């Protein structure tokens, strides 16, 4: 009986301390009236807990905000990388973007290879099964040959894209960047 009573008491305290979306919205409106700012964000039940936790302790800190720096200095800070850089001044964000683009090219090339292989397989199946074409070898033969050429070109493109990723990894290594930036 005691564990059951404890469970009921625990559930009641959790529900009593939970905040509703309306309570959070009221607090946010009150905070906006105090600071004179308006947030154009939308609150949902998913963001309710994080918004409540962020809004309650940060209210005293927001009222005592430091004076803002001139806009010129903010632009300088945004232009300089915040973290470690390689020998050429490129940071982690640069390298991650470059690798993401290179891997997207590899993914697209692989998809193109798969499409060409599926098309070739379908044409070969048509050649074997289709009986409504009188001279099917002469009709489907040139199409199959062209598809095989396209498949070889797509495979070469995919291999070139993989080689570009390898070259980027070598360039990252040579420039002194961290290996984790290639992920």
C-alpha atoms as a PDB file:
ATOM      1  CA  UNK A   1       0.000   0.000   0.000  1.00  0.00           C
ATOM      2  CA  UNK A   2       2.871   2.403   0.772  1.00  0.00           C
ATOM      3  CA  UNK A   3       4.397   2.192  -2.744  1.00  0.00           C
ATOM      4  CA  UNK A   4       0.983   2.917  -4.250  1.00  0.00           C
ATOM      5  CA  UNK A   5       0.496   5.916  -1.961  1.00  0.00           C
ATOM      6  CA  UNK A   6       3.999   7.137  -2.813  1.00  0.00           C
ATOM      7  CA  UNK A   7       3.251   6.818  -6.549  1.00  0.00           C
ATOM      8  CA  UNK A   8       0.036   8.848  -6.222  1.00  0.00           C
ATOM      9  CA  UNK A   9       1.798  11.519  -4.161  1.00  0.00           C
ATOM     10  CA  UNK A  10       4.689  11.686  -6.641  1.00  0.00           C
ATOM     11  CA  UNK A  11       2.306  11.980  -9.620  1.00  0.00           C
ATOM     12  CA  UNK A  12       0.368  14.776  -7.916  1.00  0.00           C
ATOM     13  CA  UNK A  13       3.530  16.784  -7.173  1.00  0.00           C
ATOM     14  CA  UNK A  14       4.802  16.383 -10.729  1.00  0.00           C
ATOM     15  CA  UNK A  15       1.478  17.532 -12.165  1.00  0.00           C
ATOM     16  CA  UNK A  16       1.260  20.423  -9.733  1.00  0.00           C
ATOM     17  CA  UNK A  17       4.723  21.658 -10.672  1.00  0.00           C
ATOM     18  CA  UNK A  18       4.184  21.256 -14.432  1.00  0.00           C
ATOM     19  CA  UNK A  19       3.509  24.452 -16.310  1.00  0.00           C
ATOM     20  CA  UNK A  20       0.918  24.828 -18.974  1.00  0.00           C
ATOM     21  CA  UNK A  21       1.493  26.505 -22.291  1.00  0.00           C
ATOM     22  CA  UNK A  22      -0.779  29.363 -21.248  1.00  0.00           C
ATOM     23  CA  UNK A  23       1.327  30.068 -18.124  1.00  0.00           C
ATOM     24  CA  UNK A  24       4.482  30.247 -20.191  1.00  0.00           C
ATOM     25  CA  UNK A  25       2.841  32.558 -22.744  1.00  0.00           C
ATOM     26  CA  UNK A  26       1.652  34.894 -19.954  1.00  0.00           C
ATOM     27  CA  UNK A  27       5.160  35.062 -18.478  1.00  0.00           C
ATOM     28  CA  UNK A  28       6.635  35.749 -21.889  1.00  0.00           C
ATOM     29  CA  UNK A  29       4.192  38.603 -22.551  1.00  0.00           C
ATOM     30  CA  UNK A  30       5.009  40.093 -19.145  1.00  0.00           C
ATOM     31  CA  UNK A  31       8.732  39.818 -19.858  1.00  0.00           C
ATOM     32  CA  UNK A  32       8.282  41.467 -23.251  1.00  0.00           C
ATOM     33  CA  UNK A  33       6.382  44.366 -21.678  1.00  0.00           C
ATOM     34  CA  UNK A  34       9.201  44.863 -19.167  1.00  0.00           C
ATOM     35  CA  UNK A  35      12.018  44.796 -21.681  1.00  0.00           C
ATOM     36  CA  UNK A  36      10.131  46.432 -24.535  1.00  0.00           C
ATOM     37  CA  UNK A  37      11.001  43.684 -27.010  1.00  0.00           C
ATOM     38  CA  UNK A  38       8.715  41.347 -28.842  1.00  0.00           C
ATOM     39  CA  UNK A  39       9.442  37.776 -29.821  1.00  0.00           C
ATOM     40  CA  UNK A  40       7.865  36.633 -33.061  1.00  0.00           C
ATOM     41  CA  UNK A  41       8.368  32.954 -32.127  1.00  0.00           C
ATOM     42  CA  UNK A  42       5.609  30.416 -31.709  1.00  0.00           C
ATOM     43  CA  UNK A  43       5.249  28.331 -28.594  1.00  0.00           C
ATOM     44  CA  UNK A  44       4.198  24.714 -28.741  1.00  0.00           C
ATOM     45  CA  UNK A  45       3.937  22.012 -26.108  1.00  0.00           C
ATOM     46  CA  UNK A  46       7.281  20.654 -27.266  1.00  0.00           C
ATOM     47  CA  UNK A  47       9.050  23.955 -26.601  1.00  0.00           C
ATOM     48  CA  UNK A  48       7.109  24.754 -23.435  1.00  0.00           C
ATOM     49  CA  UNK A  49       9.471  23.074 -20.996  1.00  0.00           C
ATOM     50  CA  UNK A  50      12.623  24.544 -22.542  1.00  0.00           C
ATOM     51  CA  UNK A  51      11.078  28.013 -22.768  1.00  0.00           C
ATOM     52  CA  UNK A  52      10.008  27.921 -19.124  1.00  0.00           C
ATOM     53  CA  UNK A  53      13.428  26.834 -17.960  1.00  0.00           C
ATOM     54  CA  UNK A  54      15.144  29.477 -20.076  1.00  0.00           C
ATOM     55  CA  UNK A  55      12.759  32.328 -19.199  1.00  0.00           C
ATOM     56  CA  UNK A  56      12.632  32.034 -15.404  1.00  0.00           C
ATOM     57  CA  UNK A  57      16.328  32.221 -14.430  1.00  0.00           C
ATOM     58  CA  UNK A  58      17.311  34.603 -17.208  1.00  0.00           C
ATOM     59  CA  UNK A  59      14.921  37.437 -16.297  1.00  0.00           C
ATOM     60  CA  UNK A  60      17.269  39.154 -13.823  1.00  0.00           C
ATOM     61  CA  UNK A  61      20.181  38.791 -16.225  1.00  0.00           C
ATOM     62  CA  UNK A  62      18.326  40.380 -19.159  1.00  0.00           C
ATOM     63  CA  UNK A  63      17.396  43.489 -17.228  1.00  0.00           C
ATOM     64  CA  UNK A  64      21.045  44.190 -16.441  1.00  0.00           C
ATOM     65  CA  UNK A  65      22.273  43.870 -20.009  1.00  0.00           C
ATOM     66  CA  UNK A  66      25.657  45.273 -20.936  1.00  0.00           C
ATOM     67  CA  UNK A  67      25.800  48.232 -23.316  1.00  0.00           C
ATOM     68  CA  UNK A  68      26.070  47.152 -26.931  1.00  0.00           C
ATOM     69  CA  UNK A  69      29.293  47.522 -28.892  1.00  0.00           C
ATOM     70  CA  UNK A  70      29.383  49.480 -32.134  1.00  0.00           C
ATOM     71  CA  UNK A  71      28.140  47.641 -35.218  1.00  0.00           C
ATOM     72  CA  UNK A  72      31.570  47.798 -36.827  1.00  0.00           C
ATOM     73  CA  UNK A  73      33.131  45.617 -34.130  1.00  0.00           C
ATOM     74  CA  UNK A  74      30.319  43.044 -34.409  1.00  0.00           C
ATOM     75  CA  UNK A  75      31.047  42.625 -38.117  1.00  0.00           C
ATOM     76  CA  UNK A  76      34.739  42.065 -37.378  1.00  0.00           C
ATOM     77  CA  UNK A  77      33.900  39.364 -34.847  1.00  0.00           C
ATOM     78  CA  UNK A  78      31.607  37.623 -37.344  1.00  0.00           C
ATOM     79  CA  UNK A  79      34.318  37.676 -40.039  1.00  0.00           C
ATOM     80  CA  UNK A  80      36.979  36.024 -37.874  1.00  0.00           C
ATOM     81  CA  UNK A  81      36.669  32.311 -37.095  1.00  0.00           C
ATOM     82  CA  UNK A  82      35.943  31.717 -33.438  1.00  0.00           C
ATOM     83  CA  UNK A  83      37.732  28.389 -32.992  1.00  0.00           C
ATOM     84  CA  UNK A  84      40.934  26.790 -34.215  1.00  0.00           C
ATOM     85  CA  UNK A  85      41.977  27.264 -37.831  1.00  0.00           C
ATOM     86  CA  UNK A  86      44.323  25.522 -40.229  1.00  0.00           C
ATOM     87  CA  UNK A  87      47.506  27.000 -41.721  1.00  0.00           C
ATOM     88  CA  UNK A  88      45.521  28.919 -44.340  1.00  0.00           C
ATOM     89  CA  UNK A  89      43.052  30.460 -41.873  1.00  0.00           C
ATOM     90  CA  UNK A  90      40.119  28.179 -42.671  1.00  0.00           C
ATOM     91  CA  UNK A  91      38.029  26.964 -39.755  1.00  0.00           C
ATOM     92  CA  UNK A  92      35.944  23.898 -39.014  1.00  0.00           C
ATOM     93  CA  UNK A  93      32.778  25.340 -40.583  1.00  0.00           C
ATOM     94  CA  UNK A  94      34.559  25.871 -43.908  1.00  0.00           C
ATOM     95  CA  UNK A  95      35.898  22.328 -43.994  1.00  0.00           C
ATOM     96  CA  UNK A  96      32.603  20.742 -42.945  1.00  0.00           C
ATOM     97  CA  UNK A  97      30.774  22.659 -45.690  1.00  0.00           C
ATOM     98  CA  UNK A  98      33.340  21.633 -48.308  1.00  0.00           C
ATOM     99  CA  UNK A  99      33.177  17.976 -47.286  1.00  0.00           C
ATOM    100  CA  UNK A 100      29.376  18.060 -47.181  1.00  0.00           C
ATOM    101  CA  UNK A 101      29.215  19.399 -50.734  1.00  0.00           C
ATOM    102  CA  UNK A 102      31.775  16.843 -51.936  1.00  0.00           C
ATOM    103  CA  UNK A 103      29.899  13.973 -50.299  1.00  0.00           C
ATOM    104  CA  UNK A 104      26.635  15.211 -51.781  1.00  0.00           C
ATOM    105  CA  UNK A 105      28.252  15.029 -55.229  1.00  0.00           C
ATOM    106  CA  UNK A 106      29.379  11.464 -54.474  1.00  0.00           C
ATOM    107  CA  UNK A 107      25.872  10.540 -53.332  1.00  0.00           C
ATOM    108  CA  UNK A 108      24.323  12.015 -56.482  1.00  0.00           C
ATOM    109  CA  UNK A 109      26.835  10.193 -58.690  1.00  0.00           C
ATOM    110  CA  UNK A 110      26.106   6.905 -56.914  1.00  0.00           C
ATOM    111  CA  UNK A 111      22.384   7.476 -57.394  1.00  0.00           C
ATOM    112  CA  UNK A 112      22.968   8.110 -61.083  1.00  0.00           C
ATOM    113  CA  UNK A 113      24.894   4.817 -61.335  1.00  0.00           C
ATOM    114  CA  UNK A 114      22.039   2.964 -59.661  1.00  0.00           C
ATOM    115  CA  UNK A 115      19.497   4.501 -62.039  1.00  0.00           C
ATOM    116  CA  UNK A 116      21.570   3.525 -65.077  1.00  0.00           C
ATOM    117  CA  UNK A 117      22.034  -0.023 -63.762  1.00  0.00           C
ATOM    118  CA  UNK A 118      18.295  -0.367 -63.187  1.00  0.00           C
ATOM    119  CA  UNK A 119      17.570   0.968 -66.665  1.00  0.00           C
ATOM    120  CA  UNK A 120      20.049  -1.476 -68.224  1.00  0.00           C
ATOM    121  CA  UNK A 121      18.562  -4.361 -66.274  1.00  0.00           C
ATOM    122  CA  UNK A 122      15.072  -3.396 -67.424  1.00  0.00           C
ATOM    123  CA  UNK A 123      16.192  -3.172 -71.073  1.00  0.00           C
ATOM    124  CA  UNK A 124      17.846  -6.584 -70.900  1.00  0.00           C
ATOM    125  CA  UNK A 125      14.667  -8.029 -69.394  1.00  0.00           C
ATOM    126  CA  UNK A 126      12.646  -6.460 -72.202  1.00  0.00           C
ATOM    127  CA  UNK A 127      14.992  -7.967 -74.750  1.00  0.00           C
ATOM    128  CA  UNK A 128      14.452 -11.432 -73.314  1.00  0.00           C
ATOM    129  CA  UNK A 129      10.711 -11.251 -72.662  1.00  0.00           C
ATOM    130  CA  UNK A 130       9.171  -8.873 -75.165  1.00  0.00           C
ATOM    131  CA  UNK A 131       7.672 -10.671 -78.125  1.00  0.00           C
ATOM    132  CA  UNK A 132       5.607  -7.938 -79.749  1.00  0.00           C
ATOM    133  CA  UNK A 133       8.644  -6.399 -81.513  1.00  0.00           C
ATOM    134  CA  UNK A 134       9.566  -8.217 -84.734  1.00  0.00           C
ATOM    135  CA  UNK A 135      13.270  -7.369 -84.745  1.00  0.00           C
ATOM    136  CA  UNK A 136      13.870  -6.705 -81.040  1.00  0.00           C
ATOM    137  CA  UNK A 137      17.678  -7.094 -81.198  1.00  0.00           C
ATOM    138  CA  UNK A 138      17.922  -4.261 -83.718  1.00  0.00           C
ATOM    139  CA  UNK A 139      15.362  -2.094 -81.931  1.00  0.00           C
ATOM    140  CA  UNK A 140      16.541  -2.558 -78.317  1.00  0.00           C
ATOM    141  CA  UNK A 141      20.221  -3.198 -79.128  1.00  0.00           C
ATOM    142  CA  UNK A 142      21.208   0.461 -79.769  1.00  0.00           C
ATOM    143  CA  UNK A 143      19.266   1.576 -76.676  1.00  0.00           C
ATOM    144  CA  UNK A 144      21.081  -1.023 -74.555  1.00  0.00           C
ATOM    145  CA  UNK A 145      24.443   0.027 -76.006  1.00  0.00           C
ATOM    146  CA  UNK A 146      23.759   3.709 -75.232  1.00  0.00           C
ATOM    147  CA  UNK A 147      22.637   2.828 -71.709  1.00  0.00           C
ATOM    148  CA  UNK A 148      25.847   0.836 -71.171  1.00  0.00           C
ATOM    149  CA  UNK A 149      27.874   3.881 -72.280  1.00  0.00           C
ATOM    150  CA  UNK A 150      25.879   6.095 -69.930  1.00  0.00           C
ATOM    151  CA  UNK A 151      26.463   3.601 -67.112  1.00  0.00           C
ATOM    152  CA  UNK A 152      30.214   3.627 -67.695  1.00  0.00           C
ATOM    153  CA  UNK A 153      30.217   7.433 -67.743  1.00  0.00           C
ATOM    154  CA  UNK A 154      28.231   7.515 -64.489  1.00  0.00           C
ATOM    155  CA  UNK A 155      30.676   5.065 -62.874  1.00  0.00           C
ATOM    156  CA  UNK A 156      33.610   7.221 -63.977  1.00  0.00           C
ATOM    157  CA  UNK A 157      31.881  10.309 -62.573  1.00  0.00           C
ATOM    158  CA  UNK A 158      31.280   8.535 -59.251  1.00  0.00           C
ATOM    159  CA  UNK A 159      34.915   7.439 -59.080  1.00  0.00           C
ATOM    160  CA  UNK A 160      36.055  11.008 -59.805  1.00  0.00           C
ATOM    161  CA  UNK A 161      33.789  12.314 -57.036  1.00  0.00           C
ATOM    162  CA  UNK A 162      35.288   9.791 -54.579  1.00  0.00           C
ATOM    163  CA  UNK A 163      38.784  10.855 -55.651  1.00  0.00           C
ATOM    164  CA  UNK A 164      37.825  14.493 -54.970  1.00  0.00           C
ATOM    165  CA  UNK A 165      36.848  13.562 -51.407  1.00  0.00           C
ATOM    166  CA  UNK A 166      40.186  11.792 -50.977  1.00  0.00           C
ATOM    167  CA  UNK A 167      42.007  14.870 -52.304  1.00  0.00           C
ATOM    168  CA  UNK A 168      40.087  17.058 -49.860  1.00  0.00           C
ATOM    169  CA  UNK A 169      41.130  14.783 -46.993  1.00  0.00           C
ATOM    170  CA  UNK A 170      44.755  15.075 -48.121  1.00  0.00           C
ATOM    171  CA  UNK A 171      44.426  18.858 -48.400  1.00  0.00           C
ATOM    172  CA  UNK A 172      42.947  19.043 -44.905  1.00  0.00           C
ATOM    173  CA  UNK A 173      45.782  16.939 -43.557  1.00  0.00           C
ATOM    174  CA  UNK A 174      48.397  19.081 -45.339  1.00  0.00           C
ATOM    175  CA  UNK A 175      46.868  22.350 -44.138  1.00  0.00           C
ATOM    176  CA  UNK A 176      47.074  21.283 -40.504  1.00  0.00           C
ATOM    177  CA  UNK A 177      43.327  21.066 -39.883  1.00  0.00           C
ATOM    178  CA  UNK A 178      41.886  18.691 -37.352  1.00  0.00           C
ATOM    179  CA  UNK A 179      40.845  15.271 -38.714  1.00  0.00           C
ATOM    180  CA  UNK A 180      37.366  15.554 -37.198  1.00  0.00           C
ATOM    181  CA  UNK A 181      36.567  18.431 -39.553  1.00  0.00           C
ATOM    182  CA  UNK A 182      36.241  15.928 -42.405  1.00  0.00           C
ATOM    183  CA  UNK A 183      33.176  14.281 -40.880  1.00  0.00           C
END
